[in-house]
Amino acid sequence: MWMWFCAECSVGGLFSCEDDVVKAAFVNQQQKFRAFLEELSKTKLEVDPGSEASVKKYYDTMAKIRGR
């Protein structure tokens, strides 16, 4: 069986680095998570657990950041 080793991403196998679905999924999730954190850092959230309006505002803000 023919095998290779990619020095750039330290992965060996039968496919090129671009065909590594696990790496692609990880990179995609990291980009989404970093974008989420960037938007979250721009937002000031103060939540009063006893206030329904405050919790709803928090929920709406988080939904907006997540793109839902």
PDB file of N, CA and C in Angstrom:
ATOM      1  N   MET A   1       0.845  -1.180   0.000  1.00  0.00           N
ATOM      2  CA  MET A   1       0.000   0.000   0.000  1.00  0.00           C
ATOM      3  C   MET A   1       0.888   1.240   0.000  1.00  0.00           C
ATOM      4  N   TRP A   2       0.520   2.237  -0.724  1.00  0.00           N
ATOM      5  CA  TRP A   2       1.257   3.486  -0.890  1.00  0.00           C
ATOM      6  C   TRP A   2       0.864   4.436   0.233  1.00  0.00           C
ATOM      7  N   MET A   3       1.832   4.944   0.982  1.00  0.00           N
ATOM      8  CA  MET A   3       1.576   5.889   2.063  1.00  0.00           C
ATOM      9  C   MET A   3       2.471   7.111   1.889  1.00  0.00           C
ATOM     10  N   TRP A   4       2.141   8.212   2.491  1.00  0.00           N
ATOM     11  CA  TRP A   4       2.921   9.433   2.445  1.00  0.00           C
ATOM     12  C   TRP A   4       2.888  10.087   3.813  1.00  0.00           C
ATOM     13  N   PHE A   5       3.719  11.078   4.001  1.00  0.00           N
ATOM     14  CA  PHE A   5       3.743  11.864   5.233  1.00  0.00           C
ATOM     15  C   PHE A   5       3.846  13.333   4.855  1.00  0.00           C
ATOM     16  N   CYS A   6       2.940  14.138   5.358  1.00  0.00           N
ATOM     17  CA  CYS A   6       2.941  15.578   5.075  1.00  0.00           C
ATOM     18  C   CYS A   6       3.649  16.297   6.218  1.00  0.00           C
ATOM     19  N   ALA A   7       4.796  16.867   5.936  1.00  0.00           N
ATOM     20  CA  ALA A   7       5.581  17.558   6.964  1.00  0.00           C
ATOM     21  C   ALA A   7       4.905  18.841   7.440  1.00  0.00           C
ATOM     22  N   GLU A   8       4.090  19.462   6.594  1.00  0.00           N
ATOM     23  CA  GLU A   8       3.438  20.725   6.961  1.00  0.00           C
ATOM     24  C   GLU A   8       2.397  20.530   8.054  1.00  0.00           C
ATOM     25  N   CYS A   9       1.647  19.439   7.971  1.00  0.00           N
ATOM     26  CA  CYS A   9       0.582  19.252   8.958  1.00  0.00           C
ATOM     27  C   CYS A   9       0.785  17.994   9.786  1.00  0.00           C
ATOM     28  N   SER A  10       1.922  17.338   9.641  1.00  0.00           N
ATOM     29  CA  SER A  10       2.273  16.155  10.430  1.00  0.00           C
ATOM     30  C   SER A  10       1.230  15.052  10.337  1.00  0.00           C
ATOM     31  N   VAL A  11       0.713  14.858   9.152  1.00  0.00           N
ATOM     32  CA  VAL A  11      -0.296  13.826   8.933  1.00  0.00           C
ATOM     33  C   VAL A  11       0.205  12.872   7.868  1.00  0.00           C
ATOM     34  N   GLY A  12       0.060  11.613   8.112  1.00  0.00           N
ATOM     35  CA  GLY A  12       0.401  10.615   7.104  1.00  0.00           C
ATOM     36  C   GLY A  12      -0.875   9.945   6.641  1.00  0.00           C
ATOM     37  N   GLY A  13      -0.875   9.425   5.426  1.00  0.00           N
ATOM     38  CA  GLY A  13      -2.074   8.750   4.950  1.00  0.00           C
ATOM     39  C   GLY A  13      -2.126   8.639   3.456  1.00  0.00           C
ATOM     40  N   LEU A  14      -3.320   8.410   2.956  1.00  0.00           N
ATOM     41  CA  LEU A  14      -3.525   8.202   1.534  1.00  0.00           C
ATOM     42  C   LEU A  14      -4.036   9.453   0.824  1.00  0.00           C
ATOM     43  N   PHE A  15      -4.341  10.500   1.564  1.00  0.00           N
ATOM     44  CA  PHE A  15      -4.935  11.696   0.988  1.00  0.00           C
ATOM     45  C   PHE A  15      -4.025  12.893   1.223  1.00  0.00           C
ATOM     46  N   SER A  16      -4.248  13.952   0.484  1.00  0.00           N
ATOM     47  CA  SER A  16      -3.478  15.175   0.695  1.00  0.00           C
ATOM     48  C   SER A  16      -4.010  15.904   1.924  1.00  0.00           C
ATOM     49  N   CYS A  17      -3.292  16.912   2.373  1.00  0.00           N
ATOM     50  CA  CYS A  17      -3.721  17.687   3.545  1.00  0.00           C
ATOM     51  C   CYS A  17      -5.097  18.311   3.324  1.00  0.00           C
ATOM     52  N   GLU A  18      -5.355  18.735   2.106  1.00  0.00           N
ATOM     53  CA  GLU A  18      -6.634  19.382   1.807  1.00  0.00           C
ATOM     54  C   GLU A  18      -7.799  18.404   1.898  1.00  0.00           C
ATOM     55  N   ASP A  19      -7.516  17.091   1.789  1.00  0.00           N
ATOM     56  CA  ASP A  19      -8.564  16.078   1.837  1.00  0.00           C
ATOM     57  C   ASP A  19      -8.804  15.555   3.248  1.00  0.00           C
ATOM     58  N   ASP A  20      -8.096  16.065   4.230  1.00  0.00           N
ATOM     59  CA  ASP A  20      -8.238  15.603   5.608  1.00  0.00           C
ATOM     60  C   ASP A  20      -9.523  16.193   6.187  1.00  0.00           C
ATOM     61  N   VAL A  21     -10.590  15.397   6.251  1.00  0.00           N
ATOM     62  CA  VAL A  21     -11.896  15.902   6.677  1.00  0.00           C
ATOM     63  C   VAL A  21     -11.906  16.265   8.154  1.00  0.00           C
ATOM     64  N   VAL A  22     -11.134  15.562   8.967  1.00  0.00           N
ATOM     65  CA  VAL A  22     -11.084  15.877  10.394  1.00  0.00           C
ATOM     66  C   VAL A  22     -10.426  17.240  10.601  1.00  0.00           C
ATOM     67  N   LYS A  23      -9.320  17.464   9.904  1.00  0.00           N
ATOM     68  CA  LYS A  23      -8.637  18.752  10.010  1.00  0.00           C
ATOM     69  C   LYS A  23      -9.538  19.876   9.494  1.00  0.00           C
ATOM     70  N   ALA A  24     -10.215  19.638   8.384  1.00  0.00           N
ATOM     71  CA  ALA A  24     -11.107  20.655   7.819  1.00  0.00           C
ATOM     72  C   ALA A  24     -12.235  20.993   8.788  1.00  0.00           C
ATOM     73  N   ALA A  25     -12.815  19.975   9.429  1.00  0.00           N
ATOM     74  CA  ALA A  25     -13.893  20.210  10.396  1.00  0.00           C
ATOM     75  C   ALA A  25     -13.368  20.987  11.598  1.00  0.00           C
ATOM     76  N   PHE A  26     -12.177  20.631  12.078  1.00  0.00           N
ATOM     77  CA  PHE A  26     -11.581  21.317  13.212  1.00  0.00           C
ATOM     78  C   PHE A  26     -11.311  22.783  12.879  1.00  0.00           C
ATOM     79  N   VAL A  27     -10.723  23.034  11.729  1.00  0.00           N
ATOM     80  CA  VAL A  27     -10.417  24.409  11.317  1.00  0.00           C
ATOM     81  C   VAL A  27     -11.708  25.218  11.197  1.00  0.00           C
ATOM     82  N   ASN A  28     -12.741  24.625  10.634  1.00  0.00           N
ATOM     83  CA  ASN A  28     -14.034  25.300  10.479  1.00  0.00           C
ATOM     84  C   ASN A  28     -14.620  25.659  11.846  1.00  0.00           C
ATOM     85  N   GLN A  29     -14.612  24.725  12.791  1.00  0.00           N
ATOM     86  CA  GLN A  29     -15.154  24.986  14.126  1.00  0.00           C
ATOM     87  C   GLN A  29     -14.331  26.043  14.858  1.00  0.00           C
ATOM     88  N   GLN A  30     -13.015  26.018  14.696  1.00  0.00           N
ATOM     89  CA  GLN A  30     -12.159  27.015  15.335  1.00  0.00           C
ATOM     90  C   GLN A  30     -12.449  28.417  14.791  1.00  0.00           C
ATOM     91  N   GLN A  31     -12.660  28.525  13.485  1.00  0.00           N
ATOM     92  CA  GLN A  31     -12.975  29.827  12.891  1.00  0.00           C
ATOM     93  C   GLN A  31     -14.296  30.353  13.418  1.00  0.00           C
ATOM     94  N   LYS A  32     -15.292  29.479  13.510  1.00  0.00           N
ATOM     95  CA  LYS A  32     -16.602  29.889  14.041  1.00  0.00           C
ATOM     96  C   LYS A  32     -16.495  30.304  15.507  1.00  0.00           C
ATOM     97  N   PHE A  33     -15.741  29.526  16.292  1.00  0.00           N
ATOM     98  CA  PHE A  33     -15.600  29.815  17.709  1.00  0.00           C
ATOM     99  C   PHE A  33     -14.869  31.142  17.927  1.00  0.00           C
ATOM    100  N   ARG A  34     -13.824  31.382  17.160  1.00  0.00           N
ATOM    101  CA  ARG A  34     -13.084  32.645  17.291  1.00  0.00           C
ATOM    102  C   ARG A  34     -13.939  33.834  16.876  1.00  0.00           C
ATOM    103  N   ALA A  35     -14.761  33.675  15.843  1.00  0.00           N
ATOM    104  CA  ALA A  35     -15.669  34.748  15.431  1.00  0.00           C
ATOM    105  C   ALA A  35     -16.698  35.012  16.533  1.00  0.00           C
ATOM    106  N   PHE A  36     -17.196  33.943  17.157  1.00  0.00           N
ATOM    107  CA  PHE A  36     -18.144  34.072  18.262  1.00  0.00           C
ATOM    108  C   PHE A  36     -17.507  34.841  19.422  1.00  0.00           C
ATOM    109  N   LEU A  37     -16.280  34.464  19.791  1.00  0.00           N
ATOM    110  CA  LEU A  37     -15.597  35.149  20.884  1.00  0.00           C
ATOM    111  C   LEU A  37     -15.331  36.613  20.559  1.00  0.00           C
ATOM    112  N   GLU A  38     -15.014  36.903  19.309  1.00  0.00           N
ATOM    113  CA  GLU A  38     -14.777  38.288  18.896  1.00  0.00           C
ATOM    114  C   GLU A  38     -16.049  39.122  19.076  1.00  0.00           C
ATOM    115  N   GLU A  39     -17.177  38.603  18.629  1.00  0.00           N
ATOM    116  CA  GLU A  39     -18.445  39.328  18.784  1.00  0.00           C
ATOM    117  C   GLU A  39     -18.830  39.441  20.254  1.00  0.00           C
ATOM    118  N   LEU A  40     -18.586  38.384  21.006  1.00  0.00           N
ATOM    119  CA  LEU A  40     -18.921  38.404  22.426  1.00  0.00           C
ATOM    120  C   LEU A  40     -18.099  39.452  23.169  1.00  0.00           C
ATOM    121  N   SER A  41     -16.848  39.634  22.772  1.00  0.00           N
ATOM    122  CA  SER A  41     -16.000  40.622  23.436  1.00  0.00           C
ATOM    123  C   SER A  41     -16.474  42.050  23.175  1.00  0.00           C
ATOM    124  N   LYS A  42     -17.223  42.262  22.116  1.00  0.00           N
ATOM    125  CA  LYS A  42     -17.742  43.591  21.786  1.00  0.00           C
ATOM    126  C   LYS A  42     -19.043  43.899  22.527  1.00  0.00           C
ATOM    127  N   THR A  43     -19.596  42.896  23.200  1.00  0.00           N
ATOM    128  CA  THR A  43     -20.905  43.019  23.823  1.00  0.00           C
ATOM    129  C   THR A  43     -20.778  43.034  25.341  1.00  0.00           C
ATOM    130  N   LYS A  44     -21.467  43.950  25.960  1.00  0.00           N
ATOM    131  CA  LYS A  44     -21.487  43.993  27.417  1.00  0.00           C
ATOM    132  C   LYS A  44     -22.785  43.330  27.877  1.00  0.00           C
ATOM    133  N   LEU A  45     -22.630  42.233  28.577  1.00  0.00           N
ATOM    134  CA  LEU A  45     -23.798  41.488  29.051  1.00  0.00           C
ATOM    135  C   LEU A  45     -23.852  41.528  30.575  1.00  0.00           C
ATOM    136  N   GLU A  46     -24.943  42.047  31.082  1.00  0.00           N
ATOM    137  CA  GLU A  46     -25.195  42.023  32.513  1.00  0.00           C
ATOM    138  C   GLU A  46     -26.504  41.288  32.709  1.00  0.00           C
ATOM    139  N   VAL A  47     -26.437  40.174  33.413  1.00  0.00           N
ATOM    140  CA  VAL A  47     -27.622  39.347  33.585  1.00  0.00           C
ATOM    141  C   VAL A  47     -28.017  39.300  35.051  1.00  0.00           C
ATOM    142  N   ASP A  48     -29.265  39.631  35.294  1.00  0.00           N
ATOM    143  CA  ASP A  48     -29.849  39.476  36.619  1.00  0.00           C
ATOM    144  C   ASP A  48     -30.759  38.255  36.552  1.00  0.00           C
ATOM    145  N   PRO A  49     -30.364  37.138  37.161  1.00  0.00           N
ATOM    146  CA  PRO A  49     -31.154  35.907  37.052  1.00  0.00           C
ATOM    147  C   PRO A  49     -32.587  36.054  37.550  1.00  0.00           C
ATOM    148  N   GLY A  50     -32.850  37.035  38.387  1.00  0.00           N
ATOM    149  CA  GLY A  50     -34.193  37.235  38.904  1.00  0.00           C
ATOM    150  C   GLY A  50     -35.086  38.057  37.988  1.00  0.00           C
ATOM    151  N   SER A  51     -34.499  38.631  36.955  1.00  0.00           N
ATOM    152  CA  SER A  51     -35.255  39.490  36.048  1.00  0.00           C
ATOM    153  C   SER A  51     -35.496  38.779  34.721  1.00  0.00           C
ATOM    154  N   GLU A  52     -36.744  38.531  34.417  1.00  0.00           N
ATOM    155  CA  GLU A  52     -37.094  37.853  33.171  1.00  0.00           C
ATOM    156  C   GLU A  52     -36.666  38.676  31.953  1.00  0.00           C
ATOM    157  N   ALA A  53     -36.786  39.985  32.045  1.00  0.00           N
ATOM    158  CA  ALA A  53     -36.386  40.855  30.935  1.00  0.00           C
ATOM    159  C   ALA A  53     -34.876  40.784  30.707  1.00  0.00           C
ATOM    160  N   SER A  54     -34.113  40.737  31.778  1.00  0.00           N
ATOM    161  CA  SER A  54     -32.657  40.651  31.671  1.00  0.00           C
ATOM    162  C   SER A  54     -32.229  39.324  31.044  1.00  0.00           C
ATOM    163  N   VAL A  55     -32.869  38.245  31.459  1.00  0.00           N
ATOM    164  CA  VAL A  55     -32.547  36.927  30.901  1.00  0.00           C
ATOM    165  C   VAL A  55     -32.930  36.869  29.433  1.00  0.00           C
ATOM    166  N   LYS A  56     -34.083  37.449  29.072  1.00  0.00           N
ATOM    167  CA  LYS A  56     -34.511  37.458  27.667  1.00  0.00           C
ATOM    168  C   LYS A  56     -33.534  38.281  26.826  1.00  0.00           C
ATOM    169  N   LYS A  57     -33.078  39.419  27.344  1.00  0.00           N
ATOM    170  CA  LYS A  57     -32.113  40.238  26.618  1.00  0.00           C
ATOM    171  C   LYS A  57     -30.820  39.459  26.401  1.00  0.00           C
ATOM    172  N   TYR A  58     -30.368  38.751  27.435  1.00  0.00           N
ATOM    173  CA  TYR A  58     -29.165  37.918  27.317  1.00  0.00           C
ATOM    174  C   TYR A  58     -29.367  36.848  26.249  1.00  0.00           C
ATOM    175  N   TYR A  59     -30.503  36.159  26.299  1.00  0.00           N
ATOM    176  CA  TYR A  59     -30.809  35.109  25.321  1.00  0.00           C
ATOM    177  C   TYR A  59     -30.834  35.677  23.903  1.00  0.00           C
ATOM    178  N   ASP A  60     -31.505  36.805  23.718  1.00  0.00           N
ATOM    179  CA  ASP A  60     -31.592  37.422  22.385  1.00  0.00           C
ATOM    180  C   ASP A  60     -30.217  37.843  21.870  1.00  0.00           C
ATOM    181  N   THR A  61     -29.388  38.386  22.753  1.00  0.00           N
ATOM    182  CA  THR A  61     -28.037  38.795  22.362  1.00  0.00           C
ATOM    183  C   THR A  61     -27.216  37.590  21.952  1.00  0.00           C
ATOM    184  N   MET A  62     -27.270  36.520  22.738  1.00  0.00           N
ATOM    185  CA  MET A  62     -26.510  35.311  22.413  1.00  0.00           C
ATOM    186  C   MET A  62     -27.010  34.683  21.101  1.00  0.00           C
ATOM    187  N   ALA A  63     -28.313  34.667  20.890  1.00  0.00           N
ATOM    188  CA  ALA A  63     -28.868  34.128  19.655  1.00  0.00           C
ATOM    189  C   ALA A  63     -28.406  34.951  18.451  1.00  0.00           C
ATOM    190  N   LYS A  64     -28.368  36.271  18.611  1.00  0.00           N
ATOM    191  CA  LYS A  64     -27.916  37.144  17.534  1.00  0.00           C
ATOM    192  C   LYS A  64     -26.445  36.878  17.202  1.00  0.00           C
ATOM    193  N   ILE A  65     -25.616  36.744  18.243  1.00  0.00           N
ATOM    194  CA  ILE A  65     -24.189  36.485  18.025  1.00  0.00           C
ATOM    195  C   ILE A  65     -23.995  35.131  17.332  1.00  0.00           C
ATOM    196  N   ARG A  66     -24.750  34.142  17.745  1.00  0.00           N
ATOM    197  CA  ARG A  66     -24.637  32.808  17.163  1.00  0.00           C
ATOM    198  C   ARG A  66     -25.249  32.717  15.769  1.00  0.00           C
ATOM    199  N   GLY A  67     -26.000  33.737  15.391  1.00  0.00           N
ATOM    200  CA  GLY A  67     -26.585  33.761  14.054  1.00  0.00           C
ATOM    201  C   GLY A  67     -27.857  32.955  13.919  1.00  0.00           C
ATOM    202  N   ARG A  68     -28.600  32.853  14.998  1.00  0.00           N
ATOM    203  CA  ARG A  68     -29.860  32.098  14.954  1.00  0.00           C
ATOM    204  C   ARG A  68     -31.038  33.005  14.840  1.00  0.00           C
TER     205      ARG A  68
END
